Amino acid sequence: QCETIFKAFGRALRMAAEHDERAAGTI
């Protein structure tokens, strides 16, 4: 249970923090 939470947390952080080329320079 705990390991799936931390793995999913890492994957979600990666997605959210990624640069979006279509939104470059915008908030």
PDB file of all heavy atoms in Angstrom:
ATOM      1  N   GLN A   1       0.833  -1.207   0.000  1.00  0.00           N
ATOM      2  CA  GLN A   1       0.000   0.000   0.000  1.00  0.00           C
ATOM      3  C   GLN A   1       0.867   1.255   0.000  1.00  0.00           C
ATOM      4  O   GLN A   1       0.665   2.175  -0.797  1.00  0.00           O
ATOM      5  CB  GLN A   1      -0.918   0.005   1.225  1.00  0.00           C
ATOM      6  CG  GLN A   1      -2.033  -1.031   1.198  1.00  0.00           C
ATOM      7  CD  GLN A   1      -2.808  -1.025   2.511  1.00  0.00           C
ATOM      8  OE1 GLN A   1      -2.326  -1.503   3.532  1.00  0.00           O
ATOM      9  NE2 GLN A   1      -4.000  -0.459   2.473  1.00  0.00           N
ATOM     10  N   CYS A   2       1.828   1.292   0.907  1.00  0.00           N
ATOM     11  CA  CYS A   2       2.670   2.471   1.062  1.00  0.00           C
ATOM     12  C   CYS A   2       3.558   2.674  -0.168  1.00  0.00           C
ATOM     13  O   CYS A   2       3.712   3.799  -0.669  1.00  0.00           O
ATOM     14  CB  CYS A   2       3.518   2.340   2.321  1.00  0.00           C
ATOM     15  SG  CYS A   2       4.202   3.902   2.905  1.00  0.00           S
ATOM     16  N   GLU A   3       4.112   1.602  -0.688  1.00  0.00           N
ATOM     17  CA  GLU A   3       5.015   1.727  -1.826  1.00  0.00           C
ATOM     18  C   GLU A   3       4.284   2.212  -3.068  1.00  0.00           C
ATOM     19  O   GLU A   3       4.827   3.014  -3.841  1.00  0.00           O
ATOM     20  CB  GLU A   3       5.721   0.398  -2.099  1.00  0.00           C
ATOM     21  CG  GLU A   3       6.833   0.524  -3.118  1.00  0.00           C
ATOM     22  CD  GLU A   3       7.771  -0.669  -3.127  1.00  0.00           C
ATOM     23  OE1 GLU A   3       7.967  -1.306  -2.064  1.00  0.00           O
ATOM     24  OE2 GLU A   3       8.317  -0.959  -4.201  1.00  0.00           O
ATOM     25  N   THR A   4       3.054   1.761  -3.283  1.00  0.00           N
ATOM     26  CA  THR A   4       2.302   2.248  -4.444  1.00  0.00           C
ATOM     27  C   THR A   4       2.020   3.741  -4.307  1.00  0.00           C
ATOM     28  O   THR A   4       2.018   4.469  -5.306  1.00  0.00           O
ATOM     29  CB  THR A   4       0.979   1.486  -4.646  1.00  0.00           C
ATOM     30  OG1 THR A   4       0.173   1.573  -3.466  1.00  0.00           O
ATOM     31  CG2 THR A   4       1.220   0.034  -4.997  1.00  0.00           C
ATOM     32  N   ILE A   5       1.789   4.208  -3.089  1.00  0.00           N
ATOM     33  CA  ILE A   5       1.556   5.641  -2.871  1.00  0.00           C
ATOM     34  C   ILE A   5       2.785   6.443  -3.264  1.00  0.00           C
ATOM     35  O   ILE A   5       2.695   7.428  -3.999  1.00  0.00           O
ATOM     36  CB  ILE A   5       1.163   5.905  -1.404  1.00  0.00           C
ATOM     37  CG1 ILE A   5      -0.268   5.428  -1.143  1.00  0.00           C
ATOM     38  CG2 ILE A   5       1.317   7.385  -1.055  1.00  0.00           C
ATOM     39  CD1 ILE A   5      -0.669   5.449   0.325  1.00  0.00           C
ATOM     40  N   PHE A   6       3.953   6.031  -2.795  1.00  0.00           N
ATOM     41  CA  PHE A   6       5.165   6.801  -3.076  1.00  0.00           C
ATOM     42  C   PHE A   6       5.569   6.713  -4.549  1.00  0.00           C
ATOM     43  O   PHE A   6       6.044   7.698  -5.131  1.00  0.00           O
ATOM     44  CB  PHE A   6       6.307   6.360  -2.163  1.00  0.00           C
ATOM     45  CG  PHE A   6       6.286   7.033  -0.817  1.00  0.00           C
ATOM     46  CD1 PHE A   6       5.525   6.526   0.220  1.00  0.00           C
ATOM     47  CD2 PHE A   6       7.030   8.183  -0.591  1.00  0.00           C
ATOM     48  CE1 PHE A   6       5.501   7.148   1.463  1.00  0.00           C
ATOM     49  CE2 PHE A   6       7.016   8.817   0.639  1.00  0.00           C
ATOM     50  CZ  PHE A   6       6.243   8.303   1.678  1.00  0.00           C
ATOM     51  N   LYS A   7       5.382   5.559  -5.164  1.00  0.00           N
ATOM     52  CA  LYS A   7       5.672   5.446  -6.588  1.00  0.00           C
ATOM     53  C   LYS A   7       4.742   6.345  -7.400  1.00  0.00           C
ATOM     54  O   LYS A   7       5.184   7.055  -8.320  1.00  0.00           O
ATOM     55  CB  LYS A   7       5.528   3.993  -7.045  1.00  0.00           C
ATOM     56  CG  LYS A   7       6.671   3.088  -6.617  1.00  0.00           C
ATOM     57  CD  LYS A   7       6.440   1.659  -7.082  1.00  0.00           C
ATOM     58  CE  LYS A   7       7.658   0.786  -6.775  1.00  0.00           C
ATOM     59  NZ  LYS A   7       7.437  -0.627  -7.124  1.00  0.00           N
ATOM     60  N   ALA A   8       3.465   6.317  -7.093  1.00  0.00           N
ATOM     61  CA  ALA A   8       2.505   7.149  -7.813  1.00  0.00           C
ATOM     62  C   ALA A   8       2.781   8.630  -7.566  1.00  0.00           C
ATOM     63  O   ALA A   8       2.628   9.468  -8.467  1.00  0.00           O
ATOM     64  CB  ALA A   8       1.077   6.791  -7.403  1.00  0.00           C
ATOM     65  N   PHE A   9       3.206   8.966  -6.357  1.00  0.00           N
ATOM     66  CA  PHE A   9       3.572  10.346  -6.041  1.00  0.00           C
ATOM     67  C   PHE A   9       4.729  10.802  -6.935  1.00  0.00           C
ATOM     68  O   PHE A   9       4.694  11.896  -7.513  1.00  0.00           O
ATOM     69  CB  PHE A   9       3.946  10.433  -4.563  1.00  0.00           C
ATOM     70  CG  PHE A   9       4.385  11.799  -4.102  1.00  0.00           C
ATOM     71  CD1 PHE A   9       3.544  12.894  -4.208  1.00  0.00           C
ATOM     72  CD2 PHE A   9       5.635  11.973  -3.517  1.00  0.00           C
ATOM     73  CE1 PHE A   9       3.953  14.152  -3.768  1.00  0.00           C
ATOM     74  CE2 PHE A   9       6.049  13.212  -3.067  1.00  0.00           C
ATOM     75  CZ  PHE A   9       5.204  14.311  -3.197  1.00  0.00           C
ATOM     76  N   GLY A  10       5.747   9.978  -7.071  1.00  0.00           N
ATOM     77  CA  GLY A  10       6.865  10.316  -7.943  1.00  0.00           C
ATOM     78  C   GLY A  10       6.426  10.522  -9.379  1.00  0.00           C
ATOM     79  O   GLY A  10       6.822  11.493 -10.034  1.00  0.00           O
ATOM     80  N   ARG A  11       5.598   9.625  -9.883  1.00  0.00           N
ATOM     81  CA  ARG A  11       5.126   9.738 -11.263  1.00  0.00           C
ATOM     82  C   ARG A  11       4.265  10.989 -11.462  1.00  0.00           C
ATOM     83  O   ARG A  11       4.369  11.667 -12.491  1.00  0.00           O
ATOM     84  CB  ARG A  11       4.313   8.501 -11.638  1.00  0.00           C
ATOM     85  CG  ARG A  11       5.084   7.200 -11.648  1.00  0.00           C
ATOM     86  CD  ARG A  11       6.030   7.080 -12.811  1.00  0.00           C
ATOM     87  NE  ARG A  11       5.359   7.089 -14.106  1.00  0.00           N
ATOM     88  CZ  ARG A  11       5.954   6.803 -15.255  1.00  0.00           C
ATOM     89  NH1 ARG A  11       7.230   6.475 -15.275  1.00  0.00           N
ATOM     90  NH2 ARG A  11       5.292   6.847 -16.385  1.00  0.00           N
ATOM     91  N   ALA A  12       3.408  11.292 -10.493  1.00  0.00           N
ATOM     92  CA  ALA A  12       2.555  12.473 -10.600  1.00  0.00           C
ATOM     93  C   ALA A  12       3.384  13.754 -10.559  1.00  0.00           C
ATOM     94  O   ALA A  12       3.110  14.704 -11.305  1.00  0.00           O
ATOM     95  CB  ALA A  12       1.508  12.459  -9.486  1.00  0.00           C
ATOM     96  N   LEU A  13       4.392  13.800  -9.677  1.00  0.00           N
ATOM     97  CA  LEU A  13       5.279  14.963  -9.629  1.00  0.00           C
ATOM     98  C   LEU A  13       5.978  15.165 -10.967  1.00  0.00           C
ATOM     99  O   LEU A  13       6.099  16.292 -11.463  1.00  0.00           O
ATOM    100  CB  LEU A  13       6.326  14.786  -8.536  1.00  0.00           C
ATOM    101  CG  LEU A  13       5.892  14.960  -7.086  1.00  0.00           C
ATOM    102  CD1 LEU A  13       7.067  14.678  -6.157  1.00  0.00           C
ATOM    103  CD2 LEU A  13       5.341  16.367  -6.831  1.00  0.00           C
ATOM    104  N   ARG A  14       6.466  14.061 -11.529  1.00  0.00           N
ATOM    105  CA  ARG A  14       7.164  14.141 -12.815  1.00  0.00           C
ATOM    106  C   ARG A  14       6.265  14.746 -13.887  1.00  0.00           C
ATOM    107  O   ARG A  14       6.684  15.644 -14.635  1.00  0.00           O
ATOM    108  CB  ARG A  14       7.618  12.743 -13.221  1.00  0.00           C
ATOM    109  CG  ARG A  14       8.245  12.648 -14.601  1.00  0.00           C
ATOM    110  CD  ARG A  14       8.638  11.204 -14.878  1.00  0.00           C
ATOM    111  NE  ARG A  14       8.977  11.000 -16.271  1.00  0.00           N
ATOM    112  CZ  ARG A  14       9.249   9.815 -16.803  1.00  0.00           C
ATOM    113  NH1 ARG A  14       9.238   8.735 -16.053  1.00  0.00           N
ATOM    114  NH2 ARG A  14       9.542   9.709 -18.080  1.00  0.00           N
ATOM    115  N   MET A  15       5.026  14.292 -13.964  1.00  0.00           N
ATOM    116  CA  MET A  15       4.103  14.811 -14.968  1.00  0.00           C
ATOM    117  C   MET A  15       3.815  16.290 -14.745  1.00  0.00           C
ATOM    118  O   MET A  15       3.862  17.099 -15.686  1.00  0.00           O
ATOM    119  CB  MET A  15       2.789  14.018 -14.945  1.00  0.00           C
ATOM    120  CG  MET A  15       1.762  14.514 -15.946  1.00  0.00           C
ATOM    121  SD  MET A  15       0.150  13.713 -15.762  1.00  0.00           S
ATOM    122  CE  MET A  15       0.525  12.053 -16.303  1.00  0.00           C
ATOM    123  N   ALA A  16       3.531  16.673 -13.507  1.00  0.00           N
ATOM    124  CA  ALA A  16       3.142  18.049 -13.214  1.00  0.00           C
ATOM    125  C   ALA A  16       4.281  19.037 -13.426  1.00  0.00           C
ATOM    126  O   ALA A  16       4.064  20.183 -13.835  1.00  0.00           O
ATOM    127  CB  ALA A  16       2.628  18.145 -11.784  1.00  0.00           C
ATOM    128  N   ALA A  17       5.510  18.603 -13.135  1.00  0.00           N
ATOM    129  CA  ALA A  17       6.663  19.500 -13.224  1.00  0.00           C
ATOM    130  C   ALA A  17       7.250  19.570 -14.622  1.00  0.00           C
ATOM    131  O   ALA A  17       8.094  20.431 -14.901  1.00  0.00           O
ATOM    132  CB  ALA A  17       7.736  19.054 -12.236  1.00  0.00           C
ATOM    133  N   GLU A  18       6.814  18.691 -15.521  1.00  0.00           N
ATOM    134  CA  GLU A  18       7.365  18.658 -16.875  1.00  0.00           C
ATOM    135  C   GLU A  18       7.074  19.951 -17.628  1.00  0.00           C
ATOM    136  O   GLU A  18       6.034  20.591 -17.432  1.00  0.00           O
ATOM    137  CB  GLU A  18       6.767  17.488 -17.672  1.00  0.00           C
ATOM    138  CG  GLU A  18       7.442  16.169 -17.414  1.00  0.00           C
ATOM    139  CD  GLU A  18       6.833  15.051 -18.239  1.00  0.00           C
ATOM    140  OE1 GLU A  18       5.705  15.206 -18.752  1.00  0.00           O
ATOM    141  OE2 GLU A  18       7.493  14.004 -18.357  1.00  0.00           O
ATOM    142  N   HIS A  19       7.994  20.316 -18.501  1.00  0.00           N
ATOM    143  CA  HIS A  19       7.780  21.456 -19.385  1.00  0.00           C
ATOM    144  C   HIS A  19       6.769  21.076 -20.462  1.00  0.00           C
ATOM    145  O   HIS A  19       6.839  19.998 -21.047  1.00  0.00           O
ATOM    146  CB  HIS A  19       9.089  21.885 -20.040  1.00  0.00           C
ATOM    147  CG  HIS A  19      10.074  22.466 -19.083  1.00  0.00           C
ATOM    148  ND1 HIS A  19       9.976  23.750 -18.602  1.00  0.00           N
ATOM    149  CD2 HIS A  19      11.171  21.938 -18.495  1.00  0.00           C
ATOM    150  CE1 HIS A  19      10.979  23.989 -17.777  1.00  0.00           C
ATOM    151  NE2 HIS A  19      11.713  22.901 -17.685  1.00  0.00           N
ATOM    152  N   ASP A  20       5.826  21.958 -20.707  1.00  0.00           N
ATOM    153  CA  ASP A  20       4.828  21.790 -21.757  1.00  0.00           C
ATOM    154  C   ASP A  20       5.213  22.717 -22.913  1.00  0.00           C
ATOM    155  O   ASP A  20       5.096  23.943 -22.796  1.00  0.00           O
ATOM    156  CB  ASP A  20       3.437  22.134 -21.219  1.00  0.00           C
ATOM    157  CG  ASP A  20       2.323  21.893 -22.219  1.00  0.00           C
ATOM    158  OD1 ASP A  20       2.621  21.707 -23.413  1.00  0.00           O
ATOM    159  OD2 ASP A  20       1.152  21.896 -21.801  1.00  0.00           O
ATOM    160  N   GLU A  21       5.692  22.141 -24.010  1.00  0.00           N
ATOM    161  CA  GLU A  21       6.189  22.954 -25.122  1.00  0.00           C
ATOM    162  C   GLU A  21       5.116  23.883 -25.677  1.00  0.00           C
ATOM    163  O   GLU A  21       5.417  24.990 -26.145  1.00  0.00           O
ATOM    164  CB  GLU A  21       6.726  22.050 -26.227  1.00  0.00           C
ATOM    165  CG  GLU A  21       7.986  21.292 -25.835  1.00  0.00           C
ATOM    166  CD  GLU A  21       8.504  20.420 -26.953  1.00  0.00           C
ATOM    167  OE1 GLU A  21       7.895  20.440 -28.053  1.00  0.00           O
ATOM    168  OE2 GLU A  21       9.520  19.720 -26.735  1.00  0.00           O
ATOM    169  N   ARG A  22       3.864  23.486 -25.607  1.00  0.00           N
ATOM    170  CA  ARG A  22       2.780  24.322 -26.149  1.00  0.00           C
ATOM    171  C   ARG A  22       2.485  25.507 -25.243  1.00  0.00           C
ATOM    172  O   ARG A  22       1.813  26.454 -25.659  1.00  0.00           O
ATOM    173  CB  ARG A  22       1.522  23.486 -26.339  1.00  0.00           C
ATOM    174  CG  ARG A  22       1.670  22.404 -27.399  1.00  0.00           C
ATOM    175  CD  ARG A  22       0.399  21.597 -27.519  1.00  0.00           C
ATOM    176  NE  ARG A  22      -0.729  22.422 -27.943  1.00  0.00           N
ATOM    177  CZ  ARG A  22      -2.004  22.045 -27.830  1.00  0.00           C
ATOM    178  NH1 ARG A  22      -2.307  20.863 -27.308  1.00  0.00           N
ATOM    179  NH2 ARG A  22      -2.969  22.841 -28.228  1.00  0.00           N
ATOM    180  N   ALA A  23       2.959  25.423 -23.982  1.00  0.00           N
ATOM    181  CA  ALA A  23       2.680  26.500 -23.018  1.00  0.00           C
ATOM    182  C   ALA A  23       3.963  27.194 -22.575  1.00  0.00           C
ATOM    183  O   ALA A  23       4.012  27.775 -21.498  1.00  0.00           O
ATOM    184  CB  ALA A  23       1.948  25.926 -21.805  1.00  0.00           C
ATOM    185  N   ALA A  24       4.983  27.147 -23.408  1.00  0.00           N
ATOM    186  CA  ALA A  24       6.292  27.686 -23.040  1.00  0.00           C
ATOM    187  C   ALA A  24       6.191  29.147 -22.634  1.00  0.00           C
ATOM    188  O   ALA A  24       5.603  29.968 -23.344  1.00  0.00           O
ATOM    189  CB  ALA A  24       7.257  27.528 -24.207  1.00  0.00           C
ATOM    190  N   GLY A  25       6.756  29.462 -21.475  1.00  0.00           N
ATOM    191  CA  GLY A  25       6.828  30.851 -21.016  1.00  0.00           C
ATOM    192  C   GLY A  25       5.573  31.389 -20.403  1.00  0.00           C
ATOM    193  O   GLY A  25       5.520  32.567 -20.027  1.00  0.00           O
ATOM    194  N   THR A  26       4.519  30.560 -20.322  1.00  0.00           N
ATOM    195  CA  THR A  26       3.270  31.058 -19.748  1.00  0.00           C
ATOM    196  C   THR A  26       2.976  30.386 -18.414  1.00  0.00           C
ATOM    197  O   THR A  26       3.383  29.251 -18.161  1.00  0.00           O
ATOM    198  CB  THR A  26       2.077  30.803 -20.711  1.00  0.00           C
ATOM    199  OG1 THR A  26       1.908  29.379 -20.865  1.00  0.00           O
ATOM    200  CG2 THR A  26       2.332  31.432 -22.065  1.00  0.00           C
ATOM    201  N   ILE A  27       2.250  31.088 -17.562  1.00  0.00           N
ATOM    202  CA  ILE A  27       1.800  30.555 -16.284  1.00  0.00           C
ATOM    203  C   ILE A  27       0.512  29.779 -16.524  1.00  0.00           C
ATOM    204  O   ILE A  27      -0.443  30.331 -17.073  1.00  0.00           O
ATOM    205  CB  ILE A  27       1.548  31.677 -15.250  1.00  0.00           C
ATOM    206  CG1 ILE A  27       2.827  32.484 -15.011  1.00  0.00           C
ATOM    207  CG2 ILE A  27       0.990  31.114 -13.959  1.00  0.00           C
ATOM    208  CD1 ILE A  27       3.874  31.768 -14.217  1.00  0.00           C
TER     209      ILE A  27
END
